């Protein structure tokens, strides 16, 4: 078995049965050579291993009962099934089909805070794109019943 563009074989076996788990995306050439009684037969097939889209999930939790319109959106459970390190995922957040920038985000924008400005049902979407350009999204509906936020900080003097 060879990956296109690479001269060295990446795998070979001498048995009637062969199993191989592809670790990288790309095009591969797999050849089967059979010989019996001085007769040799060869068959070659091309296999294309494609990237899979990210698996997208997120949690939406109210910051607290005193701030009913402020939420934490957490998409850190999203992952890329092809690359377990998830370091090259691009996170985009949308509320009611409009792009939004979260506040107090982490370094890759997978987690942050959002304040809703209107009462009612709002559709929140997280769209994630991997380094191969494969994209997937996940949506949730959040119901906002009040905009009255009270944050009281008391400091002794």
C-alpha atoms as a PDB file:
ATOM      1  CA  UNK A   1       0.000   0.000   0.000  1.00  0.00           C
ATOM      2  CA  UNK A   2       1.297   3.462  -0.931  1.00  0.00           C
ATOM      3  CA  UNK A   3       0.086   6.989  -0.383  1.00  0.00           C
ATOM      4  CA  UNK A   4       0.024   8.972  -3.624  1.00  0.00           C
ATOM      5  CA  UNK A   5       3.118  11.136  -3.908  1.00  0.00           C
ATOM      6  CA  UNK A   6       5.147   8.896  -1.567  1.00  0.00           C
ATOM      7  CA  UNK A   7       7.528   6.309  -3.017  1.00  0.00           C
ATOM      8  CA  UNK A   8       7.936   4.139   0.080  1.00  0.00           C
ATOM      9  CA  UNK A   9       5.173   1.640   0.830  1.00  0.00           C
ATOM     10  CA  UNK A  10       3.392   2.429   4.092  1.00  0.00           C
ATOM     11  CA  UNK A  11       2.135  -1.104   4.682  1.00  0.00           C
ATOM     12  CA  UNK A  12       2.551  -4.597   3.288  1.00  0.00           C
ATOM     13  CA  UNK A  13       1.461  -8.059   4.339  1.00  0.00           C
ATOM     14  CA  UNK A  14       1.837 -11.619   3.080  1.00  0.00           C
ATOM     15  CA  UNK A  15      -1.345 -13.340   4.102  1.00  0.00           C
ATOM     16  CA  UNK A  16      -4.731 -14.099   2.579  1.00  0.00           C
ATOM     17  CA  UNK A  17      -6.335 -11.440   4.792  1.00  0.00           C
ATOM     18  CA  UNK A  18      -5.227  -7.869   5.508  1.00  0.00           C
ATOM     19  CA  UNK A  19      -6.531  -5.118   7.785  1.00  0.00           C
ATOM     20  CA  UNK A  20      -5.294  -1.548   7.934  1.00  0.00           C
ATOM     21  CA  UNK A  21      -6.569   1.566   9.748  1.00  0.00           C
ATOM     22  CA  UNK A  22      -5.805   4.740   7.797  1.00  0.00           C
ATOM     23  CA  UNK A  23      -4.325   7.451  10.004  1.00  0.00           C
ATOM     24  CA  UNK A  24      -4.228  10.298   7.462  1.00  0.00           C
ATOM     25  CA  UNK A  25      -6.580  11.643   4.852  1.00  0.00           C
ATOM     26  CA  UNK A  26      -5.467  11.404   1.223  1.00  0.00           C
ATOM     27  CA  UNK A  27      -5.350   9.099  -1.794  1.00  0.00           C
ATOM     28  CA  UNK A  28      -3.885   5.626  -1.486  1.00  0.00           C
ATOM     29  CA  UNK A  29      -3.005   2.883  -3.957  1.00  0.00           C
ATOM     30  CA  UNK A  30      -3.626  -0.643  -2.692  1.00  0.00           C
ATOM     31  CA  UNK A  31      -2.306  -3.579  -4.697  1.00  0.00           C
ATOM     32  CA  UNK A  32      -3.058  -7.266  -4.310  1.00  0.00           C
ATOM     33  CA  UNK A  33      -0.580  -9.661  -5.882  1.00  0.00           C
ATOM     34  CA  UNK A  34      -1.522 -13.309  -6.122  1.00  0.00           C
ATOM     35  CA  UNK A  35       0.701 -16.061  -7.414  1.00  0.00           C
ATOM     36  CA  UNK A  36       0.236 -19.792  -7.824  1.00  0.00           C
ATOM     37  CA  UNK A  37       2.151 -22.291  -9.920  1.00  0.00           C
ATOM     38  CA  UNK A  38       4.310 -19.679 -11.686  1.00  0.00           C
ATOM     39  CA  UNK A  39       1.197 -17.583 -12.535  1.00  0.00           C
ATOM     40  CA  UNK A  40       1.106 -14.098 -11.106  1.00  0.00           C
ATOM     41  CA  UNK A  41      -1.891 -11.757 -11.045  1.00  0.00           C
ATOM     42  CA  UNK A  42      -2.024  -8.165  -9.796  1.00  0.00           C
ATOM     43  CA  UNK A  43      -5.010  -5.937  -9.038  1.00  0.00           C
ATOM     44  CA  UNK A  44      -4.712  -2.314  -7.881  1.00  0.00           C
ATOM     45  CA  UNK A  45      -7.438  -0.064  -6.468  1.00  0.00           C
ATOM     46  CA  UNK A  46      -7.393   3.559  -5.446  1.00  0.00           C
ATOM     47  CA  UNK A  47      -8.829   4.520  -2.072  1.00  0.00           C
ATOM     48  CA  UNK A  48      -9.625   8.118  -1.143  1.00  0.00           C
ATOM     49  CA  UNK A  49      -9.779   8.805   2.593  1.00  0.00           C
ATOM     50  CA  UNK A  50     -11.644  12.070   3.197  1.00  0.00           C
ATOM     51  CA  UNK A  51     -11.851  14.291   6.227  1.00  0.00           C
ATOM     52  CA  UNK A  52     -14.953  14.046   8.379  1.00  0.00           C
ATOM     53  CA  UNK A  53     -16.683  17.187   9.647  1.00  0.00           C
ATOM     54  CA  UNK A  54     -16.300  18.189  13.306  1.00  0.00           C
ATOM     55  CA  UNK A  55     -18.742  16.825  15.871  1.00  0.00           C
ATOM     56  CA  UNK A  56     -20.346  19.981  17.260  1.00  0.00           C
ATOM     57  CA  UNK A  57     -21.952  20.325  20.695  1.00  0.00           C
ATOM     58  CA  UNK A  58     -22.406  23.152  23.133  1.00  0.00           C
ATOM     59  CA  UNK A  59     -23.966  23.917  26.494  1.00  0.00           C
ATOM     60  CA  UNK A  60     -25.930  27.092  27.178  1.00  0.00           C
ATOM     61  CA  UNK A  61     -26.317  27.966  30.856  1.00  0.00           C
ATOM     62  CA  UNK A  62     -27.693  31.051  32.559  1.00  0.00           C
ATOM     63  CA  UNK A  63     -24.955  32.838  34.517  1.00  0.00           C
ATOM     64  CA  UNK A  64     -27.230  33.047  37.535  1.00  0.00           C
ATOM     65  CA  UNK A  65     -30.799  33.770  38.666  1.00  0.00           C
ATOM     66  CA  UNK A  66     -29.964  37.470  39.176  1.00  0.00           C
ATOM     67  CA  UNK A  67     -29.011  37.783  35.484  1.00  0.00           C
ATOM     68  CA  UNK A  68     -31.732  35.892  33.542  1.00  0.00           C
ATOM     69  CA  UNK A  69     -30.631  37.227  30.132  1.00  0.00           C
ATOM     70  CA  UNK A  70     -26.891  36.486  30.493  1.00  0.00           C
ATOM     71  CA  UNK A  71     -25.662  33.083  29.334  1.00  0.00           C
ATOM     72  CA  UNK A  72     -22.431  31.127  29.090  1.00  0.00           C
ATOM     73  CA  UNK A  73     -22.059  29.280  25.781  1.00  0.00           C
ATOM     74  CA  UNK A  74     -19.577  26.413  26.051  1.00  0.00           C
ATOM     75  CA  UNK A  75     -18.579  24.534  22.893  1.00  0.00           C
ATOM     76  CA  UNK A  76     -15.424  22.967  24.334  1.00  0.00           C
ATOM     77  CA  UNK A  77     -16.922  19.460  23.984  1.00  0.00           C
ATOM     78  CA  UNK A  78     -16.784  19.881  20.180  1.00  0.00           C
ATOM     79  CA  UNK A  79     -14.112  17.729  18.559  1.00  0.00           C
ATOM     80  CA  UNK A  80     -12.562  16.814  15.223  1.00  0.00           C
ATOM     81  CA  UNK A  81     -12.839  13.020  14.713  1.00  0.00           C
ATOM     82  CA  UNK A  82      -9.843  13.064  12.340  1.00  0.00           C
ATOM     83  CA  UNK A  83      -7.429  14.943  14.579  1.00  0.00           C
ATOM     84  CA  UNK A  84      -7.786  14.413  18.327  1.00  0.00           C
ATOM     85  CA  UNK A  85      -5.881  17.575  19.315  1.00  0.00           C
ATOM     86  CA  UNK A  86      -8.672  19.929  18.033  1.00  0.00           C
ATOM     87  CA  UNK A  87      -6.211  22.805  17.829  1.00  0.00           C
ATOM     88  CA  UNK A  88      -7.162  24.048  14.378  1.00  0.00           C
ATOM     89  CA  UNK A  89     -10.928  24.330  14.751  1.00  0.00           C
ATOM     90  CA  UNK A  90     -12.593  27.665  13.942  1.00  0.00           C
ATOM     91  CA  UNK A  91     -15.618  28.531  16.123  1.00  0.00           C
ATOM     92  CA  UNK A  92     -18.361  30.934  14.974  1.00  0.00           C
ATOM     93  CA  UNK A  93     -21.409  31.851  17.062  1.00  0.00           C
ATOM     94  CA  UNK A  94     -24.769  33.072  15.702  1.00  0.00           C
ATOM     95  CA  UNK A  95     -27.899  34.312  17.458  1.00  0.00           C
ATOM     96  CA  UNK A  96     -31.042  34.409  15.316  1.00  0.00           C
ATOM     97  CA  UNK A  97     -28.897  33.784  12.206  1.00  0.00           C
ATOM     98  CA  UNK A  98     -26.668  36.818  12.894  1.00  0.00           C
ATOM     99  CA  UNK A  99     -22.976  36.454  13.751  1.00  0.00           C
ATOM    100  CA  UNK A 100     -22.156  37.536  17.304  1.00  0.00           C
ATOM    101  CA  UNK A 101     -18.955  38.038  19.266  1.00  0.00           C
ATOM    102  CA  UNK A 102     -19.021  36.494  22.720  1.00  0.00           C
ATOM    103  CA  UNK A 103     -17.617  38.334  25.728  1.00  0.00           C
ATOM    104  CA  UNK A 104     -14.928  36.950  28.029  1.00  0.00           C
ATOM    105  CA  UNK A 105     -14.014  34.234  25.513  1.00  0.00           C
ATOM    106  CA  UNK A 106     -11.276  31.675  25.832  1.00  0.00           C
ATOM    107  CA  UNK A 107      -8.346  31.655  23.374  1.00  0.00           C
ATOM    108  CA  UNK A 108     -10.132  29.861  20.502  1.00  0.00           C
ATOM    109  CA  UNK A 109     -13.633  31.391  20.944  1.00  0.00           C
ATOM    110  CA  UNK A 110     -15.172  28.017  21.896  1.00  0.00           C
ATOM    111  CA  UNK A 111     -16.490  29.409  25.198  1.00  0.00           C
ATOM    112  CA  UNK A 112     -17.785  32.821  26.268  1.00  0.00           C
ATOM    113  CA  UNK A 113     -20.634  34.916  27.603  1.00  0.00           C
ATOM    114  CA  UNK A 114     -23.563  36.462  25.756  1.00  0.00           C
ATOM    115  CA  UNK A 115     -26.235  38.928  26.908  1.00  0.00           C
ATOM    116  CA  UNK A 116     -29.632  38.778  25.202  1.00  0.00           C
ATOM    117  CA  UNK A 117     -31.205  42.186  24.583  1.00  0.00           C
ATOM    118  CA  UNK A 118     -34.781  41.038  23.930  1.00  0.00           C
ATOM    119  CA  UNK A 119     -37.389  38.825  25.599  1.00  0.00           C
ATOM    120  CA  UNK A 120     -38.515  35.799  23.592  1.00  0.00           C
ATOM    121  CA  UNK A 121     -37.154  32.706  21.863  1.00  0.00           C
ATOM    122  CA  UNK A 122     -33.697  32.968  20.337  1.00  0.00           C
ATOM    123  CA  UNK A 123     -31.924  30.420  18.176  1.00  0.00           C
ATOM    124  CA  UNK A 124     -28.248  30.009  19.064  1.00  0.00           C
ATOM    125  CA  UNK A 125     -25.954  28.270  16.581  1.00  0.00           C
ATOM    126  CA  UNK A 126     -22.343  27.182  16.854  1.00  0.00           C
ATOM    127  CA  UNK A 127     -20.633  26.590  13.502  1.00  0.00           C
ATOM    128  CA  UNK A 128     -17.246  24.860  13.585  1.00  0.00           C
ATOM    129  CA  UNK A 129     -14.838  24.468  10.651  1.00  0.00           C
ATOM    130  CA  UNK A 130     -11.764  22.216  10.600  1.00  0.00           C
ATOM    131  CA  UNK A 131      -8.445  22.832   8.824  1.00  0.00           C
ATOM    132  CA  UNK A 132      -9.657  20.927   5.721  1.00  0.00           C
ATOM    133  CA  UNK A 133     -12.637  23.300   5.406  1.00  0.00           C
ATOM    134  CA  UNK A 134     -15.259  20.779   6.572  1.00  0.00           C
ATOM    135  CA  UNK A 135     -17.954  22.559   8.553  1.00  0.00           C
ATOM    136  CA  UNK A 136     -20.764  21.454  10.839  1.00  0.00           C
ATOM    137  CA  UNK A 137     -23.170  23.307  13.112  1.00  0.00           C
ATOM    138  CA  UNK A 138     -25.391  22.709  16.126  1.00  0.00           C
ATOM    139  CA  UNK A 139     -28.416  24.807  17.173  1.00  0.00           C
ATOM    140  CA  UNK A 140     -30.368  25.356  20.380  1.00  0.00           C
ATOM    141  CA  UNK A 141     -33.340  27.516  21.257  1.00  0.00           C
ATOM    142  CA  UNK A 142     -33.027  29.727  24.350  1.00  0.00           C
ATOM    143  CA  UNK A 143     -36.128  31.314  25.912  1.00  0.00           C
ATOM    144  CA  UNK A 144     -35.536  34.664  27.618  1.00  0.00           C
ATOM    145  CA  UNK A 145     -38.326  35.659  30.019  1.00  0.00           C
ATOM    146  CA  UNK A 146     -36.764  38.708  31.665  1.00  0.00           C
ATOM    147  CA  UNK A 147     -34.147  41.360  30.965  1.00  0.00           C
ATOM    148  CA  UNK A 148     -33.922  42.547  34.568  1.00  0.00           C
ATOM    149  CA  UNK A 149     -30.359  41.887  35.624  1.00  0.00           C
ATOM    150  CA  UNK A 150     -29.203  42.790  39.090  1.00  0.00           C
ATOM    151  CA  UNK A 151     -25.602  42.481  40.145  1.00  0.00           C
ATOM    152  CA  UNK A 152     -24.961  43.754  43.656  1.00  0.00           C
ATOM    153  CA  UNK A 153     -21.395  43.823  44.962  1.00  0.00           C
ATOM    154  CA  UNK A 154     -20.944  44.757  48.614  1.00  0.00           C
ATOM    155  CA  UNK A 155     -17.457  45.467  49.906  1.00  0.00           C
ATOM    156  CA  UNK A 156     -16.690  46.103  53.549  1.00  0.00           C
ATOM    157  CA  UNK A 157     -15.107  49.509  54.240  1.00  0.00           C
END
